[in-house]
Amino acid sequence: MDIATEAARLRAAAEAKPMRLPINRKVDESHHLVTPDGLSVWFTIQVSPHSRIREAIFERADRTPAEEEVRGWLEQLFDGATATEAPTFPGSTTRRFEVFENAS
């Protein structure tokens, strides 16, 4: 699987259908893919009148995704922006990364 191609597809889907905050929290399935080895990747863009949040979520059924698994995706999905990893619960098999942008 070519990460750059799939990341571009996810970015395009998120740009085409951003979630409007605070009310639209339903994520379109076009913002999601599962790699052949079972890594689930979600990418969304959330917009409000004052900010824009780009979010990537990585999940596995059996374990937390490793740094090596998510690094290439982060570079492609966030176009060089530095993403911050959100805290998670102990034992979680999910990792979430965000980039906050001021809309003004």
PDB file of N, CA and C in Angstrom:
ATOM      1  N   MET A   1       0.852  -1.178   0.000  1.00  0.00           N
ATOM      2  CA  MET A   1       0.000   0.000   0.000  1.00  0.00           C
ATOM      3  C   MET A   1       0.897   1.240   0.000  1.00  0.00           C
ATOM      4  N   ASP A   2       0.564   2.175  -0.866  1.00  0.00           N
ATOM      5  CA  ASP A   2       1.329   3.414  -0.956  1.00  0.00           C
ATOM      6  C   ASP A   2       0.723   4.447   0.010  1.00  0.00           C
ATOM      7  N   ILE A   3       1.460   4.763   1.065  1.00  0.00           N
ATOM      8  CA  ILE A   3       0.960   5.671   2.097  1.00  0.00           C
ATOM      9  C   ILE A   3       0.650   7.045   1.511  1.00  0.00           C
ATOM     10  N   ALA A   4       1.508   7.564   0.659  1.00  0.00           N
ATOM     11  CA  ALA A   4       1.295   8.911   0.105  1.00  0.00           C
ATOM     12  C   ALA A   4      -0.019   8.977  -0.681  1.00  0.00           C
ATOM     13  N   THR A   5      -0.299   7.961  -1.481  1.00  0.00           N
ATOM     14  CA  THR A   5      -1.533   7.944  -2.282  1.00  0.00           C
ATOM     15  C   THR A   5      -2.759   7.843  -1.393  1.00  0.00           C
ATOM     16  N   GLU A   6      -2.721   6.929  -0.428  1.00  0.00           N
ATOM     17  CA  GLU A   6      -3.865   6.739   0.458  1.00  0.00           C
ATOM     18  C   GLU A   6      -4.067   7.951   1.377  1.00  0.00           C
ATOM     19  N   ALA A   7      -2.968   8.549   1.837  1.00  0.00           N
ATOM     20  CA  ALA A   7      -3.078   9.750   2.674  1.00  0.00           C
ATOM     21  C   ALA A   7      -3.686  10.898   1.875  1.00  0.00           C
ATOM     22  N   ALA A   8      -3.305  11.024   0.615  1.00  0.00           N
ATOM     23  CA  ALA A   8      -3.878  12.077  -0.240  1.00  0.00           C
ATOM     24  C   ALA A   8      -5.376  11.860  -0.420  1.00  0.00           C
ATOM     25  N   ARG A   9      -5.805  10.606  -0.566  1.00  0.00           N
ATOM     26  CA  ARG A   9      -7.225  10.309  -0.704  1.00  0.00           C
ATOM     27  C   ARG A   9      -7.978  10.675   0.571  1.00  0.00           C
ATOM     28  N   LEU A  10      -7.415  10.333   1.734  1.00  0.00           N
ATOM     29  CA  LEU A  10      -8.056  10.680   3.007  1.00  0.00           C
ATOM     30  C   LEU A  10      -8.127  12.191   3.203  1.00  0.00           C
ATOM     31  N   ARG A  11      -7.041  12.905   2.864  1.00  0.00           N
ATOM     32  CA  ARG A  11      -7.037  14.368   2.983  1.00  0.00           C
ATOM     33  C   ARG A  11      -8.103  14.981   2.084  1.00  0.00           C
ATOM     34  N   ALA A  12      -8.212  14.491   0.857  1.00  0.00           N
ATOM     35  CA  ALA A  12      -9.204  15.020  -0.082  1.00  0.00           C
ATOM     36  C   ALA A  12     -10.620  14.774   0.432  1.00  0.00           C
ATOM     37  N   ALA A  13     -10.870  13.604   0.995  1.00  0.00           N
ATOM     38  CA  ALA A  13     -12.201  13.304   1.546  1.00  0.00           C
ATOM     39  C   ALA A  13     -12.516  14.219   2.718  1.00  0.00           C
ATOM     40  N   ALA A  14     -11.529  14.459   3.570  1.00  0.00           N
ATOM     41  CA  ALA A  14     -11.741  15.330   4.734  1.00  0.00           C
ATOM     42  C   ALA A  14     -11.962  16.778   4.305  1.00  0.00           C
ATOM     43  N   GLU A  15     -11.222  17.232   3.297  1.00  0.00           N
ATOM     44  CA  GLU A  15     -11.400  18.598   2.789  1.00  0.00           C
ATOM     45  C   GLU A  15     -12.772  18.760   2.138  1.00  0.00           C
ATOM     46  N   ALA A  16     -13.216  17.729   1.434  1.00  0.00           N
ATOM     47  CA  ALA A  16     -14.498  17.796   0.732  1.00  0.00           C
ATOM     48  C   ALA A  16     -15.683  17.772   1.688  1.00  0.00           C
ATOM     49  N   LYS A  17     -15.523  17.105   2.814  1.00  0.00           N
ATOM     50  CA  LYS A  17     -16.625  16.962   3.759  1.00  0.00           C
ATOM     51  C   LYS A  17     -16.139  17.205   5.187  1.00  0.00           C
ATOM     52  N   PRO A  18     -15.722  18.429   5.525  1.00  0.00           N
ATOM     53  CA  PRO A  18     -15.288  18.679   6.902  1.00  0.00           C
ATOM     54  C   PRO A  18     -16.475  18.620   7.854  1.00  0.00           C
ATOM     55  N   MET A  19     -16.198  18.277   9.089  1.00  0.00           N
ATOM     56  CA  MET A  19     -17.239  18.237  10.106  1.00  0.00           C
ATOM     57  C   MET A  19     -17.411  19.642  10.653  1.00  0.00           C
ATOM     58  N   ARG A  20     -18.622  20.124  10.708  1.00  0.00           N
ATOM     59  CA  ARG A  20     -18.918  21.454  11.233  1.00  0.00           C
ATOM     60  C   ARG A  20     -19.168  21.350  12.727  1.00  0.00           C
ATOM     61  N   LEU A  21     -18.340  22.033  13.497  1.00  0.00           N
ATOM     62  CA  LEU A  21     -18.497  22.020  14.954  1.00  0.00           C
ATOM     63  C   LEU A  21     -19.482  23.103  15.363  1.00  0.00           C
ATOM     64  N   PRO A  22     -20.206  22.972  16.415  1.00  0.00           N
ATOM     65  CA  PRO A  22     -20.160  21.880  17.384  1.00  0.00           C
ATOM     66  C   PRO A  22     -21.165  20.772  17.111  1.00  0.00           C
ATOM     67  N   ILE A  23     -21.916  20.799  16.024  1.00  0.00           N
ATOM     68  CA  ILE A  23     -23.027  19.863  15.919  1.00  0.00           C
ATOM     69  C   ILE A  23     -22.786  18.622  15.065  1.00  0.00           C
ATOM     70  N   ASN A  24     -21.999  18.665  14.029  1.00  0.00           N
ATOM     71  CA  ASN A  24     -21.859  17.537  13.120  1.00  0.00           C
ATOM     72  C   ASN A  24     -20.689  16.649  13.531  1.00  0.00           C
ATOM     73  N   ARG A  25     -20.951  15.621  14.304  1.00  0.00           N
ATOM     74  CA  ARG A  25     -19.882  14.731  14.752  1.00  0.00           C
ATOM     75  C   ARG A  25     -19.896  13.387  14.026  1.00  0.00           C
ATOM     76  N   LYS A  26     -20.739  13.225  13.007  1.00  0.00           N
ATOM     77  CA  LYS A  26     -20.781  11.979  12.253  1.00  0.00           C
ATOM     78  C   LYS A  26     -19.646  11.970  11.237  1.00  0.00           C
ATOM     79  N   VAL A  27     -18.832  10.932  11.265  1.00  0.00           N
ATOM     80  CA  VAL A  27     -17.684  10.843  10.367  1.00  0.00           C
ATOM     81  C   VAL A  27     -18.058   9.974   9.167  1.00  0.00           C
ATOM     82  N   ASP A  28     -17.854  10.510   7.985  1.00  0.00           N
ATOM     83  CA  ASP A  28     -18.120   9.794   6.747  1.00  0.00           C
ATOM     84  C   ASP A  28     -17.113   8.646   6.604  1.00  0.00           C
ATOM     85  N   GLU A  29     -17.564   7.513   6.128  1.00  0.00           N
ATOM     86  CA  GLU A  29     -16.693   6.339   5.971  1.00  0.00           C
ATOM     87  C   GLU A  29     -15.560   6.595   4.970  1.00  0.00           C
ATOM     88  N   SER A  30     -15.708   7.587   4.094  1.00  0.00           N
ATOM     89  CA  SER A  30     -14.634   7.892   3.144  1.00  0.00           C
ATOM     90  C   SER A  30     -13.397   8.461   3.845  1.00  0.00           C
ATOM     91  N   HIS A  31     -13.509   8.791   5.103  1.00  0.00           N
ATOM     92  CA  HIS A  31     -12.389   9.319   5.893  1.00  0.00           C
ATOM     93  C   HIS A  31     -11.609   8.191   6.574  1.00  0.00           C
ATOM     94  N   HIS A  32     -11.897   6.947   6.225  1.00  0.00           N
ATOM     95  CA  HIS A  32     -11.349   5.787   6.928  1.00  0.00           C
ATOM     96  C   HIS A  32     -10.773   4.778   5.941  1.00  0.00           C
ATOM     97  N   LEU A  33      -9.714   4.099   6.362  1.00  0.00           N
ATOM     98  CA  LEU A  33      -9.205   2.957   5.605  1.00  0.00           C
ATOM     99  C   LEU A  33      -8.554   1.979   6.570  1.00  0.00           C
ATOM    100  N   VAL A  34      -8.451   0.743   6.128  1.00  0.00           N
ATOM    101  CA  VAL A  34      -7.753  -0.288   6.889  1.00  0.00           C
ATOM    102  C   VAL A  34      -6.659  -0.830   5.984  1.00  0.00           C
ATOM    103  N   THR A  35      -5.416  -0.803   6.475  1.00  0.00           N
ATOM    104  CA  THR A  35      -4.285  -1.288   5.688  1.00  0.00           C
ATOM    105  C   THR A  35      -4.333  -2.820   5.623  1.00  0.00           C
ATOM    106  N   PRO A  36      -3.612  -3.408   4.682  1.00  0.00           N
ATOM    107  CA  PRO A  36      -3.605  -4.874   4.571  1.00  0.00           C
ATOM    108  C   PRO A  36      -3.156  -5.585   5.856  1.00  0.00           C
ATOM    109  N   ASP A  37      -2.328  -4.918   6.666  1.00  0.00           N
ATOM    110  CA  ASP A  37      -1.872  -5.551   7.910  1.00  0.00           C
ATOM    111  C   ASP A  37      -2.762  -5.217   9.113  1.00  0.00           C
ATOM    112  N   GLY A  38      -3.908  -4.556   8.880  1.00  0.00           N
ATOM    113  CA  GLY A  38      -4.882  -4.353   9.943  1.00  0.00           C
ATOM    114  C   GLY A  38      -4.838  -3.032  10.689  1.00  0.00           C
ATOM    115  N   LEU A  39      -4.035  -2.072  10.239  1.00  0.00           N
ATOM    116  CA  LEU A  39      -3.998  -0.758  10.878  1.00  0.00           C
ATOM    117  C   LEU A  39      -5.181   0.057  10.361  1.00  0.00           C
ATOM    118  N   SER A  40      -6.016   0.504  11.266  1.00  0.00           N
ATOM    119  CA  SER A  40      -7.160   1.341  10.920  1.00  0.00           C
ATOM    120  C   SER A  40      -6.727   2.802  11.002  1.00  0.00           C
ATOM    121  N   VAL A  41      -6.975   3.568   9.924  1.00  0.00           N
ATOM    122  CA  VAL A  41      -6.557   4.968   9.843  1.00  0.00           C
ATOM    123  C   VAL A  41      -7.792   5.821   9.549  1.00  0.00           C
ATOM    124  N   TRP A  42      -8.019   6.825  10.405  1.00  0.00           N
ATOM    125  CA  TRP A  42      -9.093   7.803  10.215  1.00  0.00           C
ATOM    126  C   TRP A  42      -8.453   9.171  10.085  1.00  0.00           C
ATOM    127  N   PHE A  43      -8.996  10.026   9.205  1.00  0.00           N
ATOM    128  CA  PHE A  43      -8.521  11.399   9.101  1.00  0.00           C
ATOM    129  C   PHE A  43      -9.721  12.307   8.928  1.00  0.00           C
ATOM    130  N   THR A  44      -9.838  13.294   9.792  1.00  0.00           N
ATOM    131  CA  THR A  44     -10.948  14.240   9.716  1.00  0.00           C
ATOM    132  C   THR A  44     -10.442  15.669   9.824  1.00  0.00           C
ATOM    133  N   ILE A  45     -11.256  16.569   9.321  1.00  0.00           N
ATOM    134  CA  ILE A  45     -11.048  17.996   9.521  1.00  0.00           C
ATOM    135  C   ILE A  45     -12.315  18.518  10.164  1.00  0.00           C
ATOM    136  N   GLN A  46     -12.148  19.205  11.278  1.00  0.00           N
ATOM    137  CA  GLN A  46     -13.282  19.771  12.000  1.00  0.00           C
ATOM    138  C   GLN A  46     -13.151  21.288  11.934  1.00  0.00           C
ATOM    139  N   VAL A  47     -14.237  21.960  11.567  1.00  0.00           N
ATOM    140  CA  VAL A  47     -14.178  23.408  11.430  1.00  0.00           C
ATOM    141  C   VAL A  47     -15.233  24.085  12.293  1.00  0.00           C
ATOM    142  N   SER A  48     -14.861  25.242  12.794  1.00  0.00           N
ATOM    143  CA  SER A  48     -15.776  26.116  13.518  1.00  0.00           C
ATOM    144  C   SER A  48     -15.506  27.525  12.999  1.00  0.00           C
ATOM    145  N   PRO A  49     -16.278  28.504  13.419  1.00  0.00           N
ATOM    146  CA  PRO A  49     -16.015  29.865  12.935  1.00  0.00           C
ATOM    147  C   PRO A  49     -14.613  30.392  13.272  1.00  0.00           C
ATOM    148  N   HIS A  50     -13.974  29.826  14.303  1.00  0.00           N
ATOM    149  CA  HIS A  50     -12.705  30.391  14.762  1.00  0.00           C
ATOM    150  C   HIS A  50     -11.510  29.459  14.653  1.00  0.00           C
ATOM    151  N   SER A  51     -11.749  28.193  14.339  1.00  0.00           N
ATOM    152  CA  SER A  51     -10.622  27.267  14.291  1.00  0.00           C
ATOM    153  C   SER A  51     -10.872  26.113  13.331  1.00  0.00           C
ATOM    154  N   ARG A  52      -9.802  25.417  13.077  1.00  0.00           N
ATOM    155  CA  ARG A  52      -9.826  24.239  12.210  1.00  0.00           C
ATOM    156  C   ARG A  52      -8.951  23.202  12.895  1.00  0.00           C
ATOM    157  N   ILE A  53      -9.442  21.991  13.027  1.00  0.00           N
ATOM    158  CA  ILE A  53      -8.701  20.923  13.686  1.00  0.00           C
ATOM    159  C   ILE A  53      -8.554  19.775  12.703  1.00  0.00           C
ATOM    160  N   ARG A  54      -7.316  19.399  12.432  1.00  0.00           N
ATOM    161  CA  ARG A  54      -7.054  18.210  11.627  1.00  0.00           C
ATOM    162  C   ARG A  54      -6.713  17.090  12.609  1.00  0.00           C
ATOM    163  N   GLU A  55      -7.337  15.947  12.425  1.00  0.00           N
ATOM    164  CA  GLU A  55      -7.174  14.851  13.381  1.00  0.00           C
ATOM    165  C   GLU A  55      -6.943  13.532  12.651  1.00  0.00           C
ATOM    166  N   ALA A  56      -5.950  12.783  13.107  1.00  0.00           N
ATOM    167  CA  ALA A  56      -5.680  11.443  12.590  1.00  0.00           C
ATOM    168  C   ALA A  56      -5.780  10.461  13.753  1.00  0.00           C
ATOM    169  N   ILE A  57      -6.463   9.374  13.516  1.00  0.00           N
ATOM    170  CA  ILE A  57      -6.627   8.341  14.533  1.00  0.00           C
ATOM    171  C   ILE A  57      -6.134   7.032  13.949  1.00  0.00           C
ATOM    172  N   PHE A  58      -5.314   6.338  14.719  1.00  0.00           N
ATOM    173  CA  PHE A  58      -4.756   5.046  14.320  1.00  0.00           C
ATOM    174  C   PHE A  58      -5.187   4.016  15.350  1.00  0.00           C
ATOM    175  N   GLU A  59      -5.640   2.865  14.870  1.00  0.00           N
ATOM    176  CA  GLU A  59      -6.158   1.860  15.795  1.00  0.00           C
ATOM    177  C   GLU A  59      -5.851   0.457  15.285  1.00  0.00           C
ATOM    178  N   ARG A  60      -5.608  -0.416  16.225  1.00  0.00           N
ATOM    179  CA  ARG A  60      -5.431  -1.842  15.937  1.00  0.00           C
ATOM    180  C   ARG A  60      -6.335  -2.619  16.890  1.00  0.00           C
ATOM    181  N   ALA A  61      -6.743  -3.786  16.483  1.00  0.00           N
ATOM    182  CA  ALA A  61      -7.603  -4.607  17.333  1.00  0.00           C
ATOM    183  C   ALA A  61      -6.821  -5.258  18.473  1.00  0.00           C
ATOM    184  N   ASP A  62      -5.538  -5.526  18.249  1.00  0.00           N
ATOM    185  CA  ASP A  62      -4.772  -6.324  19.198  1.00  0.00           C
ATOM    186  C   ASP A  62      -3.729  -5.568  20.017  1.00  0.00           C
ATOM    187  N   ARG A  63      -3.354  -4.366  19.598  1.00  0.00           N
ATOM    188  CA  ARG A  63      -2.293  -3.636  20.304  1.00  0.00           C
ATOM    189  C   ARG A  63      -2.301  -2.172  19.877  1.00  0.00           C
ATOM    190  N   THR A  64      -1.556  -1.359  20.603  1.00  0.00           N
ATOM    191  CA  THR A  64      -1.403   0.047  20.243  1.00  0.00           C
ATOM    192  C   THR A  64      -0.495   0.148  19.020  1.00  0.00           C
ATOM    193  N   PRO A  65      -0.845   0.941  18.021  1.00  0.00           N
ATOM    194  CA  PRO A  65       0.033   1.108  16.864  1.00  0.00           C
ATOM    195  C   PRO A  65       1.397   1.677  17.277  1.00  0.00           C
ATOM    196  N   ALA A  66       2.438   1.125  16.686  1.00  0.00           N
ATOM    197  CA  ALA A  66       3.810   1.541  17.003  1.00  0.00           C
ATOM    198  C   ALA A  66       4.149   2.860  16.314  1.00  0.00           C
ATOM    199  N   GLU A  67       5.151   3.528  16.847  1.00  0.00           N
ATOM    200  CA  GLU A  67       5.623   4.801  16.283  1.00  0.00           C
ATOM    201  C   GLU A  67       5.995   4.648  14.808  1.00  0.00           C
ATOM    202  N   GLU A  68       6.668   3.551  14.468  1.00  0.00           N
ATOM    203  CA  GLU A  68       7.088   3.315  13.090  1.00  0.00           C
ATOM    204  C   GLU A  68       5.882   3.194  12.156  1.00  0.00           C
ATOM    205  N   GLU A  69       4.770   2.674  12.656  1.00  0.00           N
ATOM    206  CA  GLU A  69       3.569   2.505  11.838  1.00  0.00           C
ATOM    207  C   GLU A  69       2.892   3.833  11.535  1.00  0.00           C
ATOM    208  N   VAL A  70       2.893   4.744  12.481  1.00  0.00           N
ATOM    209  CA  VAL A  70       2.144   5.988  12.307  1.00  0.00           C
ATOM    210  C   VAL A  70       2.981   7.130  11.740  1.00  0.00           C
ATOM    211  N   ARG A  71       4.298   7.074  11.868  1.00  0.00           N
ATOM    212  CA  ARG A  71       5.162   8.187  11.454  1.00  0.00           C
ATOM    213  C   ARG A  71       4.950   8.579   9.989  1.00  0.00           C
ATOM    214  N   GLY A  72       4.975   7.609   9.082  1.00  0.00           N
ATOM    215  CA  GLY A  72       4.800   7.912   7.659  1.00  0.00           C
ATOM    216  C   GLY A  72       3.427   8.496   7.358  1.00  0.00           C
ATOM    217  N   TRP A  73       2.415   7.975   8.029  1.00  0.00           N
ATOM    218  CA  TRP A  73       1.063   8.505   7.851  1.00  0.00           C
ATOM    219  C   TRP A  73       0.982   9.947   8.329  1.00  0.00           C
ATOM    220  N   LEU A  74       1.573  10.243   9.489  1.00  0.00           N
ATOM    221  CA  LEU A  74       1.520  11.603  10.030  1.00  0.00           C
ATOM    222  C   LEU A  74       2.159  12.602   9.072  1.00  0.00           C
ATOM    223  N   GLU A  75       3.311  12.235   8.520  1.00  0.00           N
ATOM    224  CA  GLU A  75       4.004  13.127   7.578  1.00  0.00           C
ATOM    225  C   GLU A  75       3.128  13.425   6.367  1.00  0.00           C
ATOM    226  N   GLN A  76       2.450  12.413   5.859  1.00  0.00           N
ATOM    227  CA  GLN A  76       1.624  12.582   4.660  1.00  0.00           C
ATOM    228  C   GLN A  76       0.292  13.267   4.959  1.00  0.00           C
ATOM    229  N   LEU A  77      -0.361  12.891   6.036  1.00  0.00           N
ATOM    230  CA  LEU A  77      -1.675  13.448   6.345  1.00  0.00           C
ATOM    231  C   LEU A  77      -1.622  14.910   6.764  1.00  0.00           C
ATOM    232  N   PHE A  78      -0.576  15.291   7.508  1.00  0.00           N
ATOM    233  CA  PHE A  78      -0.499  16.650   8.034  1.00  0.00           C
ATOM    234  C   PHE A  78       0.406  17.560   7.216  1.00  0.00           C
ATOM    235  N   ASP A  79       0.877  17.092   6.076  1.00  0.00           N
ATOM    236  CA  ASP A  79       1.678  17.937   5.163  1.00  0.00           C
ATOM    237  C   ASP A  79       2.778  18.712   5.864  1.00  0.00           C
ATOM    238  N   GLY A  80       3.516  18.052   6.722  1.00  0.00           N
ATOM    239  CA  GLY A  80       4.651  18.697   7.375  1.00  0.00           C
ATOM    240  C   GLY A  80       4.331  19.443   8.658  1.00  0.00           C
ATOM    241  N   ALA A  81       3.055  19.635   8.969  1.00  0.00           N
ATOM    242  CA  ALA A  81       2.696  20.298  10.237  1.00  0.00           C
ATOM    243  C   ALA A  81       3.002  19.352  11.395  1.00  0.00           C
ATOM    244  N   THR A  82       3.366  19.923  12.526  1.00  0.00           N
ATOM    245  CA  THR A  82       3.678  19.118  13.700  1.00  0.00           C
ATOM    246  C   THR A  82       2.402  18.767  14.441  1.00  0.00           C
ATOM    247  N   ALA A  83       2.103  17.491  14.475  1.00  0.00           N
ATOM    248  CA  ALA A  83       0.899  17.014  15.158  1.00  0.00           C
ATOM    249  C   ALA A  83       1.213  16.694  16.611  1.00  0.00           C
ATOM    250  N   THR A  84       0.239  16.947  17.469  1.00  0.00           N
ATOM    251  CA  THR A  84       0.361  16.655  18.897  1.00  0.00           C
ATOM    252  C   THR A  84      -0.449  15.408  19.201  1.00  0.00           C
ATOM    253  N   GLU A  85       0.178  14.475  19.916  1.00  0.00           N
ATOM    254  CA  GLU A  85      -0.549  13.263  20.293  1.00  0.00           C
ATOM    255  C   GLU A  85      -1.421  13.553  21.503  1.00  0.00           C
ATOM    256  N   ALA A  86      -2.677  13.172  21.404  1.00  0.00           N
ATOM    257  CA  ALA A  86      -3.623  13.375  22.504  1.00  0.00           C
ATOM    258  C   ALA A  86      -3.437  12.265  23.534  1.00  0.00           C
ATOM    259  N   PRO A  87      -3.692  12.579  24.805  1.00  0.00           N
ATOM    260  CA  PRO A  87      -3.597  11.543  25.834  1.00  0.00           C
ATOM    261  C   PRO A  87      -4.627  10.441  25.582  1.00  0.00           C
ATOM    262  N   THR A  88      -4.327   9.270  26.070  1.00  0.00           N
ATOM    263  CA  THR A  88      -5.237   8.136  25.907  1.00  0.00           C
ATOM    264  C   THR A  88      -5.329   7.355  27.211  1.00  0.00           C
ATOM    265  N   PHE A  89      -6.245   6.446  27.259  1.00  0.00           N
ATOM    266  CA  PHE A  89      -6.423   5.622  28.449  1.00  0.00           C
ATOM    267  C   PHE A  89      -5.410   4.486  28.465  1.00  0.00           C
ATOM    268  N   PRO A  90      -4.966   4.058  29.653  1.00  0.00           N
ATOM    269  CA  PRO A  90      -4.054   2.909  29.734  1.00  0.00           C
ATOM    270  C   PRO A  90      -4.687   1.686  29.066  1.00  0.00           C
ATOM    271  N   GLY A  91      -3.902   0.971  28.298  1.00  0.00           N
ATOM    272  CA  GLY A  91      -4.381  -0.227  27.622  1.00  0.00           C
ATOM    273  C   GLY A  91      -5.131   0.034  26.328  1.00  0.00           C
ATOM    274  N   SER A  92      -5.251   1.299  25.936  1.00  0.00           N
ATOM    275  CA  SER A  92      -5.960   1.644  24.703  1.00  0.00           C
ATOM    276  C   SER A  92      -5.193   1.133  23.490  1.00  0.00           C
ATOM    277  N   THR A  93      -5.915   0.743  22.456  1.00  0.00           N
ATOM    278  CA  THR A  93      -5.280   0.318  21.209  1.00  0.00           C
ATOM    279  C   THR A  93      -5.410   1.414  20.141  1.00  0.00           C
ATOM    280  N   THR A  94      -5.656   2.632  20.604  1.00  0.00           N
ATOM    281  CA  THR A  94      -5.863   3.774  19.714  1.00  0.00           C
ATOM    282  C   THR A  94      -4.847   4.871  20.008  1.00  0.00           C
ATOM    283  N   ARG A  95      -4.357   5.519  18.952  1.00  0.00           N
ATOM    284  CA  ARG A  95      -3.524   6.720  19.091  1.00  0.00           C
ATOM    285  C   ARG A  95      -4.174   7.819  18.266  1.00  0.00           C
ATOM    286  N   ARG A  96      -4.243   9.033  18.846  1.00  0.00           N
ATOM    287  CA  ARG A  96      -4.911  10.157  18.190  1.00  0.00           C
ATOM    288  C   ARG A  96      -3.951  11.342  18.137  1.00  0.00           C
ATOM    289  N   PHE A  97      -3.862  11.978  16.977  1.00  0.00           N
ATOM    290  CA  PHE A  97      -2.976  13.115  16.758  1.00  0.00           C
ATOM    291  C   PHE A  97      -3.782  14.266  16.185  1.00  0.00           C
ATOM    292  N   GLU A  98      -3.448  15.503  16.597  1.00  0.00           N
ATOM    293  CA  GLU A  98      -4.203  16.669  16.169  1.00  0.00           C
ATOM    294  C   GLU A  98      -3.276  17.820  15.801  1.00  0.00           C
ATOM    295  N   VAL A  99      -3.786  18.644  14.880  1.00  0.00           N
ATOM    296  CA  VAL A  99      -3.158  19.927  14.558  1.00  0.00           C
ATOM    297  C   VAL A  99      -4.273  20.972  14.648  1.00  0.00           C
ATOM    298  N   PHE A 100      -4.079  21.956  15.503  1.00  0.00           N
ATOM    299  CA  PHE A 100      -5.053  23.038  15.677  1.00  0.00           C
ATOM    300  C   PHE A 100      -4.578  24.238  14.876  1.00  0.00           C
ATOM    301  N   GLU A 101      -5.508  24.851  14.141  1.00  0.00           N
ATOM    302  CA  GLU A 101      -5.187  26.028  13.350  1.00  0.00           C
ATOM    303  C   GLU A 101      -6.195  27.121  13.628  1.00  0.00           C
ATOM    304  N   ASN A 102      -5.730  28.346  13.683  1.00  0.00           N
ATOM    305  CA  ASN A 102      -6.616  29.486  13.860  1.00  0.00           C
ATOM    306  C   ASN A 102      -7.191  29.838  12.492  1.00  0.00           C
ATOM    307  N   ALA A 103      -8.499  29.982  12.426  1.00  0.00           N
ATOM    308  CA  ALA A 103      -9.159  30.234  11.134  1.00  0.00           C
ATOM    309  C   ALA A 103      -9.064  31.684  10.679  1.00  0.00           C
ATOM    310  N   SER A 104      -8.619  32.574  11.525  1.00  0.00           N
ATOM    311  CA  SER A 104      -8.575  33.976  11.115  1.00  0.00           C
ATOM    312  C   SER A 104      -7.303  34.339  10.397  1.00  0.00           C
TER     313      SER A 104
END
